[in-house]
C-alpha atoms as a PDB file:
ATOM      1  CA  UNK A   1      37.466  55.835  94.918  1.00  0.00           C
ATOM      2  CA  UNK A   2      36.697  52.502  93.306  1.00  0.00           C
ATOM      3  CA  UNK A   3      38.408  49.214  93.842  1.00  0.00           C
ATOM      4  CA  UNK A   4      40.620  48.068  91.047  1.00  0.00           C
ATOM      5  CA  UNK A   5      41.366  44.470  90.094  1.00  0.00           C
ATOM      6  CA  UNK A   6      45.053  44.169  89.269  1.00  0.00           C
ATOM      7  CA  UNK A   7      45.971  41.731  86.518  1.00  0.00           C
ATOM      8  CA  UNK A   8      49.688  40.850  86.314  1.00  0.00           C
ATOM      9  CA  UNK A   9      51.062  39.924  82.859  1.00  0.00           C
ATOM     10  CA  UNK A  10      54.566  41.098  84.048  1.00  0.00           C
ATOM     11  CA  UNK A  11      53.978  38.870  87.175  1.00  0.00           C
ATOM     12  CA  UNK A  12      55.080  41.492  89.723  1.00  0.00           C
ATOM     13  CA  UNK A  13      53.143  40.748  92.818  1.00  0.00           C
ATOM     14  CA  UNK A  14      53.435  40.041  96.484  1.00  0.00           C
ATOM     15  CA  UNK A  15      52.657  36.547  95.488  1.00  0.00           C
ATOM     16  CA  UNK A  16      52.883  32.833  95.791  1.00  0.00           C
ATOM     17  CA  UNK A  17      54.320  31.429  92.638  1.00  0.00           C
ATOM     18  CA  UNK A  18      53.702  27.843  91.502  1.00  0.00           C
ATOM     19  CA  UNK A  19      54.723  25.800  88.515  1.00  0.00           C
ATOM     20  CA  UNK A  20      54.073  22.278  87.310  1.00  0.00           C
ATOM     21  CA  UNK A  21      56.906  19.624  87.243  1.00  0.00           C
ATOM     22  CA  UNK A  22      59.228  20.519  84.545  1.00  0.00           C
ATOM     23  CA  UNK A  23      62.965  20.519  84.054  1.00  0.00           C
ATOM     24  CA  UNK A  24      64.959  22.251  86.792  1.00  0.00           C
ATOM     25  CA  UNK A  25      66.764  25.303  85.668  1.00  0.00           C
ATOM     26  CA  UNK A  26      69.221  28.076  86.564  1.00  0.00           C
ATOM     27  CA  UNK A  27      67.580  31.364  86.000  1.00  0.00           C
ATOM     28  CA  UNK A  28      69.888  34.130  84.694  1.00  0.00           C
ATOM     29  CA  UNK A  29      67.633  36.978  85.970  1.00  0.00           C
ATOM     30  CA  UNK A  30      67.413  35.364  89.309  1.00  0.00           C
ATOM     31  CA  UNK A  31      71.111  35.208  90.102  1.00  0.00           C
ATOM     32  CA  UNK A  32      71.461  31.697  88.273  1.00  0.00           C
ATOM     33  CA  UNK A  33      69.897  30.124  91.264  1.00  0.00           C
ATOM     34  CA  UNK A  34      68.989  26.391  90.802  1.00  0.00           C
ATOM     35  CA  UNK A  35      65.257  26.031  90.717  1.00  0.00           C
ATOM     36  CA  UNK A  36      63.797  22.600  91.565  1.00  0.00           C
ATOM     37  CA  UNK A  37      60.882  21.339  89.577  1.00  0.00           C
ATOM     38  CA  UNK A  38      57.704  21.747  91.535  1.00  0.00           C
ATOM     39  CA  UNK A  39      59.137  24.358  93.808  1.00  0.00           C
ATOM     40  CA  UNK A  40      57.029  26.959  95.555  1.00  0.00           C
ATOM     41  CA  UNK A  41      58.232  30.621  95.530  1.00  0.00           C
ATOM     42  CA  UNK A  42      56.916  33.475  97.535  1.00  0.00           C
ATOM     43  CA  UNK A  43      57.522  37.272  97.498  1.00  0.00           C
ATOM     44  CA  UNK A  44      57.560  37.938 101.219  1.00  0.00           C
ATOM     45  CA  UNK A  45      56.594  41.507 102.268  1.00  0.00           C
ATOM     46  CA  UNK A  46      58.873  43.521 104.425  1.00  0.00           C
ATOM     47  CA  UNK A  47      58.715  42.872 108.172  1.00  0.00           C
ATOM     48  CA  UNK A  48      59.930  40.471 110.917  1.00  0.00           C
ATOM     49  CA  UNK A  49      58.418  37.403 109.093  1.00  0.00           C
ATOM     50  CA  UNK A  50      60.630  38.232 106.055  1.00  0.00           C
ATOM     51  CA  UNK A  51      63.793  38.760 108.084  1.00  0.00           C
ATOM     52  CA  UNK A  52      63.456  35.623 110.228  1.00  0.00           C
ATOM     53  CA  UNK A  53      63.684  33.642 106.821  1.00  0.00           C
ATOM     54  CA  UNK A  54      67.127  35.111 106.040  1.00  0.00           C
ATOM     55  CA  UNK A  55      69.060  32.343 107.795  1.00  0.00           C
ATOM     56  CA  UNK A  56      72.544  30.957 106.820  1.00  0.00           C
ATOM     57  CA  UNK A  57      70.890  27.770 105.344  1.00  0.00           C
ATOM     58  CA  UNK A  58      68.395  29.754 103.318  1.00  0.00           C
ATOM     59  CA  UNK A  59      71.125  31.425 101.288  1.00  0.00           C
ATOM     60  CA  UNK A  60      72.970  28.189 100.310  1.00  0.00           C
ATOM     61  CA  UNK A  61      71.358  27.968  96.815  1.00  0.00           C
ATOM     62  CA  UNK A  62      72.324  31.582  96.044  1.00  0.00           C
ATOM     63  CA  UNK A  63      75.858  31.066  97.347  1.00  0.00           C
ATOM     64  CA  UNK A  64      76.170  27.826  95.291  1.00  0.00           C
ATOM     65  CA  UNK A  65      75.276  29.724  92.202  1.00  0.00           C
ATOM     66  CA  UNK A  66      77.832  32.454  92.895  1.00  0.00           C
ATOM     67  CA  UNK A  67      80.606  29.954  93.819  1.00  0.00           C
ATOM     68  CA  UNK A  68      79.960  27.699  90.862  1.00  0.00           C
ATOM     69  CA  UNK A  69      80.781  30.663  88.605  1.00  0.00           C
ATOM     70  CA  UNK A  70      83.712  31.649  90.665  1.00  0.00           C
ATOM     71  CA  UNK A  71      85.183  28.045  90.629  1.00  0.00           C
ATOM     72  CA  UNK A  72      84.626  27.399  87.033  1.00  0.00           C
ATOM     73  CA  UNK A  73      88.007  28.767  86.010  1.00  0.00           C
ATOM     74  CA  UNK A  74      89.786  26.385  88.448  1.00  0.00           C
ATOM     75  CA  UNK A  75      87.665  23.336  87.538  1.00  0.00           C
ATOM     76  CA  UNK A  76      88.177  22.682  83.937  1.00  0.00           C
ATOM     77  CA  UNK A  77      88.732  18.890  83.485  1.00  0.00           C
ATOM     78  CA  UNK A  78      87.438  17.503  80.124  1.00  0.00           C
ATOM     79  CA  UNK A  79      84.722  14.860  80.326  1.00  0.00           C
ATOM     80  CA  UNK A  80      85.893  11.276  79.576  1.00  0.00           C
ATOM     81  CA  UNK A  81      85.145   9.503  76.343  1.00  0.00           C
ATOM     82  CA  UNK A  82      83.637   6.564  78.331  1.00  0.00           C
ATOM     83  CA  UNK A  83      81.230   8.809  80.050  1.00  0.00           C
ATOM     84  CA  UNK A  84      79.930  10.688  76.901  1.00  0.00           C
ATOM     85  CA  UNK A  85      79.855   7.400  74.969  1.00  0.00           C
ATOM     86  CA  UNK A  86      77.765   5.445  77.337  1.00  0.00           C
ATOM     87  CA  UNK A  87      75.611   8.443  78.085  1.00  0.00           C
ATOM     88  CA  UNK A  88      74.900   9.092  74.503  1.00  0.00           C
ATOM     89  CA  UNK A  89      73.609   5.612  73.738  1.00  0.00           C
ATOM     90  CA  UNK A  90      71.291   5.573  76.616  1.00  0.00           C
ATOM     91  CA  UNK A  91      70.149   9.128  75.994  1.00  0.00           C
ATOM     92  CA  UNK A  92      69.314   8.497  72.327  1.00  0.00           C
ATOM     93  CA  UNK A  93      67.260   5.399  73.244  1.00  0.00           C
ATOM     94  CA  UNK A  94      65.192   7.572  75.594  1.00  0.00           C
ATOM     95  CA  UNK A  95      64.830  10.403  73.129  1.00  0.00           C
ATOM     96  CA  UNK A  96      63.785   7.959  70.320  1.00  0.00           C
ATOM     97  CA  UNK A  97      61.189   6.363  72.532  1.00  0.00           C
ATOM     98  CA  UNK A  98      59.495   9.614  73.363  1.00  0.00           C
ATOM     99  CA  UNK A  99      60.832  12.302  71.018  1.00  0.00           C
ATOM    100  CA  UNK A 100      58.005  14.703  71.747  1.00  0.00           C
ATOM    101  CA  UNK A 101      58.648  14.696  75.436  1.00  0.00           C
ATOM    102  CA  UNK A 102      62.472  14.784  75.440  1.00  0.00           C
ATOM    103  CA  UNK A 103      64.061  17.912  76.884  1.00  0.00           C
ATOM    104  CA  UNK A 104      67.824  18.448  76.800  1.00  0.00           C
ATOM    105  CA  UNK A 105      68.389  20.130  80.025  1.00  0.00           C
ATOM    106  CA  UNK A 106      66.059  17.850  81.929  1.00  0.00           C
ATOM    107  CA  UNK A 107      67.859  14.841  80.603  1.00  0.00           C
ATOM    108  CA  UNK A 108      71.092  16.268  81.320  1.00  0.00           C
ATOM    109  CA  UNK A 109      70.203  17.063  84.964  1.00  0.00           C
ATOM    110  CA  UNK A 110      68.529  13.742  85.572  1.00  0.00           C
ATOM    111  CA  UNK A 111      71.782  12.093  84.523  1.00  0.00           C
ATOM    112  CA  UNK A 112      73.889  14.556  86.422  1.00  0.00           C
ATOM    113  CA  UNK A 113      71.987  13.525  89.761  1.00  0.00           C
ATOM    114  CA  UNK A 114      74.061  10.389  89.806  1.00  0.00           C
ATOM    115  CA  UNK A 115      77.248  12.484  90.243  1.00  0.00           C
ATOM    116  CA  UNK A 116      75.515  14.211  93.180  1.00  0.00           C
ATOM    117  CA  UNK A 117      74.602  10.907  94.690  1.00  0.00           C
ATOM    118  CA  UNK A 118      78.042   9.603  94.432  1.00  0.00           C
ATOM    119  CA  UNK A 119      79.679  12.697  95.730  1.00  0.00           C
ATOM    120  CA  UNK A 120      77.386  13.995  98.441  1.00  0.00           C
ATOM    121  CA  UNK A 121      75.813  12.531 101.624  1.00  0.00           C
ATOM    122  CA  UNK A 122      72.060  12.910 101.704  1.00  0.00           C
ATOM    123  CA  UNK A 123      72.261  15.207 104.764  1.00  0.00           C
ATOM    124  CA  UNK A 124      75.062  17.327 103.337  1.00  0.00           C
ATOM    125  CA  UNK A 125      73.124  20.327 102.291  1.00  0.00           C
ATOM    126  CA  UNK A 126      76.192  22.313 101.299  1.00  0.00           C
ATOM    127  CA  UNK A 127      77.487  19.693  99.101  1.00  0.00           C
ATOM    128  CA  UNK A 128      74.095  19.063  97.524  1.00  0.00           C
ATOM    129  CA  UNK A 129      73.565  22.684  96.755  1.00  0.00           C
ATOM    130  CA  UNK A 130      77.066  22.933  95.121  1.00  0.00           C
ATOM    131  CA  UNK A 131      76.423  19.914  93.053  1.00  0.00           C
ATOM    132  CA  UNK A 132      72.895  20.998  91.968  1.00  0.00           C
ATOM    133  CA  UNK A 133      74.201  24.399  90.995  1.00  0.00           C
ATOM    134  CA  UNK A 134      77.126  22.896  89.057  1.00  0.00           C
ATOM    135  CA  UNK A 135      74.725  20.642  87.232  1.00  0.00           C
ATOM    136  CA  UNK A 136      72.375  23.501  86.409  1.00  0.00           C
ATOM    137  CA  UNK A 137      75.166  25.706  85.015  1.00  0.00           C
ATOM    138  CA  UNK A 138      76.770  22.940  83.023  1.00  0.00           C
ATOM    139  CA  UNK A 139      73.551  21.647  81.605  1.00  0.00           C
ATOM    140  CA  UNK A 140      72.086  24.989  80.737  1.00  0.00           C
ATOM    141  CA  UNK A 141      75.237  26.136  78.844  1.00  0.00           C
ATOM    142  CA  UNK A 142      75.393  22.944  76.689  1.00  0.00           C
ATOM    143  CA  UNK A 143      71.615  22.730  76.038  1.00  0.00           C
ATOM    144  CA  UNK A 144      70.986  26.390  75.313  1.00  0.00           C
ATOM    145  CA  UNK A 145      73.087  25.958  72.176  1.00  0.00           C
ATOM    146  CA  UNK A 146      70.783  23.298  70.767  1.00  0.00           C
ATOM    147  CA  UNK A 147      67.312  24.144  69.590  1.00  0.00           C
ATOM    148  CA  UNK A 148      64.391  21.897  70.929  1.00  0.00           C
ATOM    149  CA  UNK A 149      63.679  20.901  67.220  1.00  0.00           C
ATOM    150  CA  UNK A 150      67.164  19.327  66.820  1.00  0.00           C
ATOM    151  CA  UNK A 151      67.491  15.629  66.150  1.00  0.00           C
ATOM    152  CA  UNK A 152      68.016  13.328  69.075  1.00  0.00           C
ATOM    153  CA  UNK A 153      71.752  12.757  68.458  1.00  0.00           C
ATOM    154  CA  UNK A 154      72.407  16.523  68.673  1.00  0.00           C
ATOM    155  CA  UNK A 155      70.265  17.025  71.736  1.00  0.00           C
ATOM    156  CA  UNK A 156      71.895  14.081  73.414  1.00  0.00           C
ATOM    157  CA  UNK A 157      75.371  15.174  72.657  1.00  0.00           C
ATOM    158  CA  UNK A 158      74.641  18.393  74.492  1.00  0.00           C
ATOM    159  CA  UNK A 159      72.928  16.677  77.255  1.00  0.00           C
ATOM    160  CA  UNK A 160      75.808  14.233  77.827  1.00  0.00           C
ATOM    161  CA  UNK A 161      78.517  16.815  77.343  1.00  0.00           C
ATOM    162  CA  UNK A 162      76.795  18.788  80.217  1.00  0.00           C
ATOM    163  CA  UNK A 163      76.423  15.907  82.633  1.00  0.00           C
ATOM    164  CA  UNK A 164      79.826  14.269  81.908  1.00  0.00           C
ATOM    165  CA  UNK A 165      81.501  17.716  82.338  1.00  0.00           C
ATOM    166  CA  UNK A 166      79.987  17.748  85.852  1.00  0.00           C
ATOM    167  CA  UNK A 167      81.151  14.231  86.519  1.00  0.00           C
ATOM    168  CA  UNK A 168      84.664  15.246  85.568  1.00  0.00           C
ATOM    169  CA  UNK A 169      84.633  18.468  87.675  1.00  0.00           C
ATOM    170  CA  UNK A 170      82.222  17.831  90.656  1.00  0.00           C
ATOM    171  CA  UNK A 171      84.867  16.935  93.227  1.00  0.00           C
ATOM    172  CA  UNK A 172      86.861  20.034  92.258  1.00  0.00           C
ATOM    173  CA  UNK A 173      83.748  22.163  92.377  1.00  0.00           C
ATOM    174  CA  UNK A 174      82.583  20.844  95.799  1.00  0.00           C
ATOM    175  CA  UNK A 175      86.001  21.449  97.400  1.00  0.00           C
ATOM    176  CA  UNK A 176      86.448  24.855  95.757  1.00  0.00           C
ATOM    177  CA  UNK A 177      83.052  26.069  96.843  1.00  0.00           C
ATOM    178  CA  UNK A 178      83.394  24.669 100.437  1.00  0.00           C
ATOM    179  CA  UNK A 179      86.160  27.305 100.991  1.00  0.00           C
ATOM    180  CA  UNK A 180      83.816  30.080 100.068  1.00  0.00           C
ATOM    181  CA  UNK A 181      80.570  29.325 101.859  1.00  0.00           C
ATOM    182  CA  UNK A 182      81.449  30.972 105.136  1.00  0.00           C
ATOM    183  CA  UNK A 183      81.997  34.434 103.581  1.00  0.00           C
ATOM    184  CA  UNK A 184      79.302  34.078 101.032  1.00  0.00           C
ATOM    185  CA  UNK A 185      76.712  33.152 103.543  1.00  0.00           C
ATOM    186  CA  UNK A 186      77.571  36.316 105.560  1.00  0.00           C
ATOM    187  CA  UNK A 187      77.330  38.517 102.427  1.00  0.00           C
ATOM    188  CA  UNK A 188      74.073  36.986 100.967  1.00  0.00           C
ATOM    189  CA  UNK A 189      72.302  36.872 104.412  1.00  0.00           C
ATOM    190  CA  UNK A 190      73.054  40.674 104.613  1.00  0.00           C
ATOM    191  CA  UNK A 191      71.604  41.066 101.128  1.00  0.00           C
ATOM    192  CA  UNK A 192      68.513  38.973 102.091  1.00  0.00           C
ATOM    193  CA  UNK A 193      67.826  41.134 105.229  1.00  0.00           C
ATOM    194  CA  UNK A 194      68.345  44.383 103.142  1.00  0.00           C
ATOM    195  CA  UNK A 195      65.730  43.031 100.622  1.00  0.00           C
ATOM    196  CA  UNK A 196      63.298  42.504 103.482  1.00  0.00           C
ATOM    197  CA  UNK A 197      63.600  46.245 104.158  1.00  0.00           C
ATOM    198  CA  UNK A 198      62.465  47.216 100.659  1.00  0.00           C
ATOM    199  CA  UNK A 199      58.792  47.873  99.781  1.00  0.00           C
ATOM    200  CA  UNK A 200      58.585  44.607  97.598  1.00  0.00           C
ATOM    201  CA  UNK A 201      60.123  42.478 100.157  1.00  0.00           C
ATOM    202  CA  UNK A 202      62.344  39.378  99.454  1.00  0.00           C
ATOM    203  CA  UNK A 203      61.820  36.408  97.046  1.00  0.00           C
ATOM    204  CA  UNK A 204      62.167  32.958  98.302  1.00  0.00           C
ATOM    205  CA  UNK A 205      61.935  29.567  96.468  1.00  0.00           C
ATOM    206  CA  UNK A 206      61.343  26.448  98.695  1.00  0.00           C
ATOM    207  CA  UNK A 207      62.717  28.497 101.595  1.00  0.00           C
ATOM    208  CA  UNK A 208      65.817  29.564  99.654  1.00  0.00           C
ATOM    209  CA  UNK A 209      66.488  33.344  99.119  1.00  0.00           C
ATOM    210  CA  UNK A 210      66.550  34.303  95.439  1.00  0.00           C
ATOM    211  CA  UNK A 211      69.310  36.718  94.805  1.00  0.00           C
ATOM    212  CA  UNK A 212      67.749  38.559  91.912  1.00  0.00           C
ATOM    213  CA  UNK A 213      69.793  41.724  92.361  1.00  0.00           C
ATOM    214  CA  UNK A 214      67.838  44.721  91.021  1.00  0.00           C
ATOM    215  CA  UNK A 215      65.910  42.422  88.506  1.00  0.00           C
ATOM    216  CA  UNK A 216      62.842  41.402  90.493  1.00  0.00           C
ATOM    217  CA  UNK A 217      60.498  42.033  87.585  1.00  0.00           C
ATOM    218  CA  UNK A 218      62.832  40.263  85.086  1.00  0.00           C
ATOM    219  CA  UNK A 219      63.345  37.411  87.679  1.00  0.00           C
ATOM    220  CA  UNK A 220      59.511  36.756  88.211  1.00  0.00           C
ATOM    221  CA  UNK A 221      58.932  37.181  84.531  1.00  0.00           C
ATOM    222  CA  UNK A 222      61.612  34.582  83.758  1.00  0.00           C
ATOM    223  CA  UNK A 223      60.217  32.167  86.184  1.00  0.00           C
ATOM    224  CA  UNK A 224      56.859  32.541  84.607  1.00  0.00           C
ATOM    225  CA  UNK A 225      58.098  32.368  80.981  1.00  0.00           C
ATOM    226  CA  UNK A 226      60.463  29.485  81.554  1.00  0.00           C
ATOM    227  CA  UNK A 227      58.557  27.397  84.022  1.00  0.00           C
ATOM    228  CA  UNK A 228      54.862  28.339  83.404  1.00  0.00           C
ATOM    229  CA  UNK A 229      54.471  29.991  86.839  1.00  0.00           C
ATOM    230  CA  UNK A 230      50.988  30.699  87.896  1.00  0.00           C
ATOM    231  CA  UNK A 231      50.814  33.867  90.013  1.00  0.00           C
ATOM    232  CA  UNK A 232      48.500  34.489  92.822  1.00  0.00           C
ATOM    233  CA  UNK A 233      48.428  37.330  95.436  1.00  0.00           C
ATOM    234  CA  UNK A 234      48.068  41.035  95.673  1.00  0.00           C
ATOM    235  CA  UNK A 235      50.048  44.195  95.360  1.00  0.00           C
ATOM    236  CA  UNK A 236      49.099  47.827  95.914  1.00  0.00           C
ATOM    237  CA  UNK A 237      49.924  50.407  93.265  1.00  0.00           C
ATOM    238  CA  UNK A 238      48.785  53.689  91.546  1.00  0.00           C
ATOM    239  CA  UNK A 239      46.410  53.310  88.562  1.00  0.00           C
ATOM    240  CA  UNK A 240      45.753  55.750  85.826  1.00  0.00           C
ATOM    241  CA  UNK A 241      43.531  54.598  82.972  1.00  0.00           C
ATOM    242  CA  UNK A 242      44.820  51.142  81.841  1.00  0.00           C
ATOM    243  CA  UNK A 243      48.248  51.181  83.472  1.00  0.00           C
ATOM    244  CA  UNK A 244      49.520  50.854  87.103  1.00  0.00           C
ATOM    245  CA  UNK A 245      52.608  51.569  88.763  1.00  0.00           C
ATOM    246  CA  UNK A 246      53.397  48.884  91.336  1.00  0.00           C
ATOM    247  CA  UNK A 247      55.522  49.468  94.467  1.00  0.00           C
ATOM    248  CA  UNK A 248      58.431  47.657  92.801  1.00  0.00           C
ATOM    249  CA  UNK A 249      58.460  50.096  89.889  1.00  0.00           C
ATOM    250  CA  UNK A 250      56.843  47.662  87.540  1.00  0.00           C
ATOM    251  CA  UNK A 251      54.183  48.364  84.946  1.00  0.00           C
ATOM    252  CA  UNK A 252      51.002  46.350  85.695  1.00  0.00           C
ATOM    253  CA  UNK A 253      47.766  46.284  83.727  1.00  0.00           C
ATOM    254  CA  UNK A 254      44.602  47.361  85.489  1.00  0.00           C
ATOM    255  CA  UNK A 255      40.912  46.730  85.051  1.00  0.00           C
ATOM    256  CA  UNK A 256      38.262  48.579  86.861  1.00  0.00           C
ATOM    257  CA  UNK A 257      35.724  46.231  88.535  1.00  0.00           C
ATOM    258  CA  UNK A 258      33.233  46.127  91.330  1.00  0.00           C
ATOM    259  CA  UNK A 259      35.514  44.151  93.626  1.00  0.00           C
ATOM    260  CA  UNK A 260      33.316  41.023  93.581  1.00  0.00           C
ATOM    261  CA  UNK A 261      34.666  37.627  92.700  1.00  0.00           C
ATOM    262  CA  UNK A 262      32.123  37.381  89.907  1.00  0.00           C
ATOM    263  CA  UNK A 263      33.310  40.500  88.184  1.00  0.00           C
ATOM    264  CA  UNK A 264      36.998  39.307  88.456  1.00  0.00           C
ATOM    265  CA  UNK A 265      36.107  35.889  86.973  1.00  0.00           C
ATOM    266  CA  UNK A 266      34.357  37.529  84.084  1.00  0.00           C
ATOM    267  CA  UNK A 267      37.338  39.838  83.494  1.00  0.00           C
ATOM    268  CA  UNK A 268      39.652  36.848  83.281  1.00  0.00           C
ATOM    269  CA  UNK A 269      37.469  34.984  80.982  1.00  0.00           C
ATOM    270  CA  UNK A 270      37.566  37.813  78.559  1.00  0.00           C
ATOM    271  CA  UNK A 271      41.402  38.644  78.575  1.00  0.00           C
ATOM    272  CA  UNK A 272      42.909  35.311  79.660  1.00  0.00           C
ATOM    273  CA  UNK A 273      45.219  36.861  82.314  1.00  0.00           C
ATOM    274  CA  UNK A 274      45.932  35.622  85.794  1.00  0.00           C
ATOM    275  CA  UNK A 275      43.694  37.263  88.393  1.00  0.00           C
ATOM    276  CA  UNK A 276      45.699  38.739  91.176  1.00  0.00           C
ATOM    277  CA  UNK A 277      42.621  40.029  92.994  1.00  0.00           C
ATOM    278  CA  UNK A 278      44.139  43.065  94.710  1.00  0.00           C
ATOM    279  CA  UNK A 279      42.057  46.017  95.700  1.00  0.00           C
ATOM    280  CA  UNK A 280      43.834  49.330  95.464  1.00  0.00           C
ATOM    281  CA  UNK A 281      42.858  52.881  95.811  1.00  0.00           C
ATOM    282  CA  UNK A 282      42.714  54.849  92.499  1.00  0.00           C
ATOM    283  CA  UNK A 283      44.872  57.934  92.655  1.00  0.00           C
ATOM    284  CA  UNK A 284      44.682  60.921  90.214  1.00  0.00           C
ATOM    285  CA  UNK A 285      47.005  63.750  89.884  1.00  0.00           C
ATOM    286  CA  UNK A 286      49.188  62.439  92.705  1.00  0.00           C
ATOM    287  CA  UNK A 287      46.411  62.803  95.276  1.00  0.00           C
ATOM    288  CA  UNK A 288      45.295  59.906  97.461  1.00  0.00           C
END
């Protein structure tokens, strides 16, 4: 039996996930949960330490994402011309000043924060979660339709449509979502506890449960691809040649090494992948 260094291009690990400050985003593969720039995410292994994190407050972000979608059919007010007009001028000035750094969704959500500040008290976590989720959903829909290479006027039109739509509908969304939080918290807390019984455990970002459904690999990959996540940690799996099967049924790449830090660093230098640094027992023919 030889130790194996697991390298995770699919980013499936029992891991701490970190990303630099970039635009916030709702991630489809992660249940459209709102992810704050600079958040820390952890795949918590099964056990009491996992279940204790499944509190009513820890599921607010997941509930807000669900409730935003459910309330969207009820909250359909059009953004005002005054909002889009004033926003467009300000946005284009910012975009023109730093065209290489402008990002539609980030601009939209930064402007959208004003609606959250005006609508929600600082200590009203439920309202804040509803507003952030509404901002994320509206900004993502508008900005995804515009390529990053588009001119400032097109990017700003999308950005302002998204933020002004939130301004027009935020009171409706907050009121509508408030009616659903009690039932949603019960449901999602149960799902969180169920995830803690699985081999891979439950995924949390800044203490909020990430409702990824059955898409754990896709969720973590999306976080990595969209937000440049750096993955650290370890996972156990079965290796055969150059492939491994992890406990969450994800295909991982494997490289045989001597288990030393130096060997792992050398491997990273050659292939440019993130070192997970896990030692697993190699199995052949189904035997341990």
